Amino acid sequence: MSNTTSEPDSSSLSELRLRHLTIDEALPKLERYLHDAYMAGLSQVRIIHGKGAGILRLSVRRELAHHSLIKSFRPGENWEGGEGVTIVEFTEE
């Protein structure tokens, strides 16, 4: 019997891919992901939501704007994925 843990591996938490999900599917995943990444001690992560019509991007950024664990966020630079990505920085507390 192997010893499994519910602790996420911080290397697998550096980004979250939400492309092709509905808002109803994406937002609960985002909430769990942010909590897990913060608890793993990460200071910054990437949220990949895609460009599309921008509805998912706007919903993700609206959630980030009011989230207690988030210090700041910004669109990705061109080399990071541009408007299809949001870079998130966690609070230090």
C-alpha atoms as a PDB file:
ATOM      1  CA  MET A   1       0.000   0.000   0.000  1.00  0.00           C
ATOM      2  CA  SER A   2       1.524   3.328  -1.052  1.00  0.00           C
ATOM      3  CA  ASN A   3       1.559   6.369   1.143  1.00  0.00           C
ATOM      4  CA  THR A   4      -0.346   9.081  -0.711  1.00  0.00           C
ATOM      5  CA  THR A   5      -0.672  12.608   0.465  1.00  0.00           C
ATOM      6  CA  SER A   6      -3.205  15.314  -0.193  1.00  0.00           C
ATOM      7  CA  GLU A   7      -0.439  17.910  -0.154  1.00  0.00           C
ATOM      8  CA  PRO A   8       0.053  19.233  -3.680  1.00  0.00           C
ATOM      9  CA  ASP A   9       3.501  19.282  -5.237  1.00  0.00           C
ATOM     10  CA  SER A  10       4.527  22.950  -5.567  1.00  0.00           C
ATOM     11  CA  SER A  11       6.126  22.306  -8.969  1.00  0.00           C
ATOM     12  CA  SER A  12       2.750  21.200 -10.350  1.00  0.00           C
ATOM     13  CA  LEU A  13       1.101  24.311  -8.926  1.00  0.00           C
ATOM     14  CA  SER A  14       3.025  26.933 -10.889  1.00  0.00           C
ATOM     15  CA  GLU A  15       0.140  27.302 -13.346  1.00  0.00           C
ATOM     16  CA  LEU A  16      -3.541  26.542 -13.727  1.00  0.00           C
ATOM     17  CA  ARG A  17      -5.072  25.825 -17.138  1.00  0.00           C
ATOM     18  CA  LEU A  18      -8.683  26.925 -17.466  1.00  0.00           C
ATOM     19  CA  ARG A  19      -8.974  27.125 -21.256  1.00  0.00           C
ATOM     20  CA  HIS A  20     -12.164  25.648 -22.738  1.00  0.00           C
ATOM     21  CA  LEU A  21     -13.967  25.604 -19.381  1.00  0.00           C
ATOM     22  CA  THR A  22     -17.193  27.413 -18.619  1.00  0.00           C
ATOM     23  CA  ILE A  23     -17.171  30.071 -15.924  1.00  0.00           C
ATOM     24  CA  ASP A  24     -19.149  27.709 -13.669  1.00  0.00           C
ATOM     25  CA  GLU A  25     -16.458  25.062 -14.114  1.00  0.00           C
ATOM     26  CA  ALA A  26     -13.475  27.425 -13.935  1.00  0.00           C
ATOM     27  CA  LEU A  27     -14.188  29.526 -10.845  1.00  0.00           C
ATOM     28  CA  PRO A  28     -14.363  26.651  -8.319  1.00  0.00           C
ATOM     29  CA  LYS A  29     -11.118  25.249  -9.801  1.00  0.00           C
ATOM     30  CA  LEU A  30      -9.546  28.687  -9.495  1.00  0.00           C
ATOM     31  CA  GLU A  31     -10.551  28.974  -5.835  1.00  0.00           C
ATOM     32  CA  ARG A  32      -9.120  25.541  -4.935  1.00  0.00           C
ATOM     33  CA  TYR A  33      -5.977  26.205  -6.945  1.00  0.00           C
ATOM     34  CA  LEU A  34      -5.281  29.566  -5.300  1.00  0.00           C
ATOM     35  CA  HIS A  35      -5.674  28.049  -1.850  1.00  0.00           C
ATOM     36  CA  ASP A  36      -3.418  25.077  -2.650  1.00  0.00           C
ATOM     37  CA  ALA A  37      -0.729  27.220  -4.305  1.00  0.00           C
ATOM     38  CA  TYR A  38      -0.732  29.681  -1.401  1.00  0.00           C
ATOM     39  CA  MET A  39      -0.515  26.864   1.159  1.00  0.00           C
ATOM     40  CA  ALA A  40       2.391  25.369  -0.828  1.00  0.00           C
ATOM     41  CA  GLY A  41       4.281  28.637  -0.296  1.00  0.00           C
ATOM     42  CA  LEU A  42       4.330  29.872  -3.871  1.00  0.00           C
ATOM     43  CA  SER A  43       4.702  33.614  -4.300  1.00  0.00           C
ATOM     44  CA  GLN A  44       3.553  33.815  -7.926  1.00  0.00           C
ATOM     45  CA  VAL A  45       1.514  31.667 -10.333  1.00  0.00           C
ATOM     46  CA  ARG A  46       0.122  31.739 -13.884  1.00  0.00           C
ATOM     47  CA  ILE A  47      -3.544  31.386 -14.708  1.00  0.00           C
ATOM     48  CA  ILE A  48      -4.028  30.281 -18.325  1.00  0.00           C
ATOM     49  CA  HIS A  49      -7.535  31.231 -19.448  1.00  0.00           C
ATOM     50  CA  GLY A  50      -6.987  31.822 -23.143  1.00  0.00           C
ATOM     51  CA  LYS A  51      -7.875  34.858 -25.229  1.00  0.00           C
ATOM     52  CA  GLY A  52     -11.160  34.025 -26.953  1.00  0.00           C
ATOM     53  CA  ALA A  53     -13.970  36.518 -26.404  1.00  0.00           C
ATOM     54  CA  GLY A  54     -12.468  37.458 -23.033  1.00  0.00           C
ATOM     55  CA  ILE A  55     -15.400  36.370 -20.880  1.00  0.00           C
ATOM     56  CA  LEU A  56     -13.403  33.827 -18.872  1.00  0.00           C
ATOM     57  CA  ARG A  57     -10.450  36.234 -18.557  1.00  0.00           C
ATOM     58  CA  LEU A  58     -12.720  38.963 -17.173  1.00  0.00           C
ATOM     59  CA  SER A  59     -14.392  36.560 -14.737  1.00  0.00           C
ATOM     60  CA  VAL A  60     -11.038  35.269 -13.483  1.00  0.00           C
ATOM     61  CA  ARG A  61      -9.674  38.783 -13.006  1.00  0.00           C
ATOM     62  CA  ARG A  62     -12.875  39.888 -11.256  1.00  0.00           C
ATOM     63  CA  GLU A  63     -12.423  37.029  -8.774  1.00  0.00           C
ATOM     64  CA  LEU A  64      -8.741  37.863  -8.273  1.00  0.00           C
ATOM     65  CA  ALA A  65      -9.541  41.526  -7.594  1.00  0.00           C
ATOM     66  CA  HIS A  66     -11.562  40.568  -4.505  1.00  0.00           C
ATOM     67  CA  HIS A  67      -9.570  37.563  -3.284  1.00  0.00           C
ATOM     68  CA  SER A  68      -7.973  37.856   0.156  1.00  0.00           C
ATOM     69  CA  LEU A  69      -4.848  35.852  -0.788  1.00  0.00           C
ATOM     70  CA  ILE A  70      -3.983  37.997  -3.807  1.00  0.00           C
ATOM     71  CA  LYS A  71      -1.575  40.919  -3.560  1.00  0.00           C
ATOM     72  CA  SER A  72      -1.631  41.802  -7.256  1.00  0.00           C
ATOM     73  CA  PHE A  73      -2.194  40.428 -10.739  1.00  0.00           C
ATOM     74  CA  ARG A  74      -1.406  41.499 -14.278  1.00  0.00           C
ATOM     75  CA  PRO A  75      -1.786  40.342 -17.858  1.00  0.00           C
ATOM     76  CA  GLY A  76       1.055  38.196 -19.100  1.00  0.00           C
ATOM     77  CA  GLU A  77       3.779  39.814 -21.157  1.00  0.00           C
ATOM     78  CA  ASN A  78       3.926  38.684 -24.795  1.00  0.00           C
ATOM     79  CA  TRP A  79       6.578  36.093 -23.919  1.00  0.00           C
ATOM     80  CA  GLU A  80       4.393  34.799 -21.034  1.00  0.00           C
ATOM     81  CA  GLY A  81       1.252  34.308 -23.105  1.00  0.00           C
ATOM     82  CA  GLY A  82      -0.051  37.855 -23.401  1.00  0.00           C
ATOM     83  CA  GLU A  83      -3.747  38.442 -22.719  1.00  0.00           C
ATOM     84  CA  GLY A  84      -4.339  34.674 -22.590  1.00  0.00           C
ATOM     85  CA  VAL A  85      -2.551  34.513 -19.225  1.00  0.00           C
ATOM     86  CA  THR A  86      -2.840  36.310 -15.901  1.00  0.00           C
ATOM     87  CA  ILE A  87       0.174  36.438 -13.587  1.00  0.00           C
ATOM     88  CA  VAL A  88      -0.819  36.408  -9.918  1.00  0.00           C
ATOM     89  CA  GLU A  89       1.240  37.443  -6.893  1.00  0.00           C
ATOM     90  CA  PHE A  90       0.152  36.225  -3.449  1.00  0.00           C
ATOM     91  CA  THR A  91       0.108  38.218  -0.242  1.00  0.00           C
ATOM     92  CA  GLU A  92       2.962  37.509   2.132  1.00  0.00           C
ATOM     93  CA  GLU A  93       0.769  36.812   5.165  1.00  0.00           C
END
